[in-house]
């Protein structure tokens, strides 16, 4: 007898010894029955060989399962994150290579929804599993890579004309004109226009942007320059988020929720929106607040408000945690930044008023409010009441500042008459701490807000269709209703 042993076999298999002569005789005994060859009855040798092969396969499979157990979940999830990053890079590279993205809008939206699915998988993994430093490196390196890829897109492929209004406001300031008074279509100012886009947004109204943003526009001259600065601020937001995660004893890997979000990537690296300035200063304000630096927190909140108006929603939340005297610091900074433009007098906020009065795009629950109130003004009053009630409720319950930030920055878009796709980036940073399924879904489906560009390119008016609005917001509202129902049911059950 001879033993056939393989290190991978869990057991040792014993087979009868077969001589070389008997093996060679097999080649000359063609006419003999099979059972006379090698001394085995018919089929028995084949059966043993098959059993040996199956034993080997089972042993190899068992070794593979044991290896998976040692690697699961950390190493496997890390490998999965690398695969997701490679797939997302391919998607963003296709987007960046399009010379005329409006002509490929259906394909763009499909790919962004696919990117959203891959992104949600990544969010689930970093929220569910404990990962090591290698995974964090992949997350951060990939986040930078995504942005570098999108920054290579030609200026003509931008998804919004807002950057051309930034450029016009900057040119007006360098010409010593007040952007809160002049506007692009004003007679005698044709020389300020960009020949590539002679009609920037809001050509009939003065600027709608607060003064800190206006100062930034003055320092930048080219469209790629706005994209680069917006991306730098975006990356800085990811850095501040990591500091906030550390301060809240949360895994740093959760920064993926913001750093890999497709809406964030195409809004800043590709379109150059300066909402990133308001986001990074708001996150800084929250970091100072949770680390007990009240004066710095109010100063940073003022800077965020001076970049975009939406952070004012959190003023009550901040005032519940700082002394009332710090409100004076907020007011002083606001007055100081508006002072250089005070020549506009009572017209200082004309642009903002015109925006609130005339602009409407991608609205959802606001249409329900208008149906109830029978007028736009009535709907705006109802929306304002809802927001004030939410602010008061969160302040009374002393809700965590980050939770209040998520509810207010996300909720304002549901009741607003205008909800451009890049507005949804306001609430995405707070999903790092509260990865709500409904808000995550809204950050993905918000890309459907670009669908009017398809019909507009075909010569139709720029407006949202009921079908696209239903697909964009329907799943979100259903999820929110289910969440509220489940929370209420749990509360009632615990009260019994």
Foldseek 3Di string as FASTA:
>chain_A
DDWDDDPLFPDIDDDDDFDPVLVVVVVVPVPDDPCVRSVHHPPPVVVVVVVVVVRSVVSVVVVVVVVCVVCPPANVLLVVLLVLLVLLLVLLLVLQPDQAVLVVVVVNLVSLLVLLVSLVVNLVVLVPDDYDPSSVVSLLVSLVSSLVSQLNRDLNSALALQLQVLQLLLLCVVVVHQLLPAFLPDPPNQVSHDVVCSQGPPRPHRDQWFLVSSVVSNVDHDSSRLLVVLVVLLVLLLVLLLLVCVLVVHDNSLSSLQSSQSLNSSVRSNNSDNLSQLNNLQSVLLSCQSVVNLLSNLLSLLSSCSGPPLSVLCVLLSCLRDPPVSVVVSVVVSCVSCVVNCVCPPSNNVRNVCCQVPDAALAACLVVLCVVQVHNVSLVVVLVVVSVVLSVVCSVVSPRSLVSQLCRQVVSRHSGRHDQLSSLSSNSSSCSVVVQPLSSLLNSLSSLSSVLSNVVVVVDDSHDDPVSSCVNCVVSVVSVVVVVVVVVVVVVVVVD
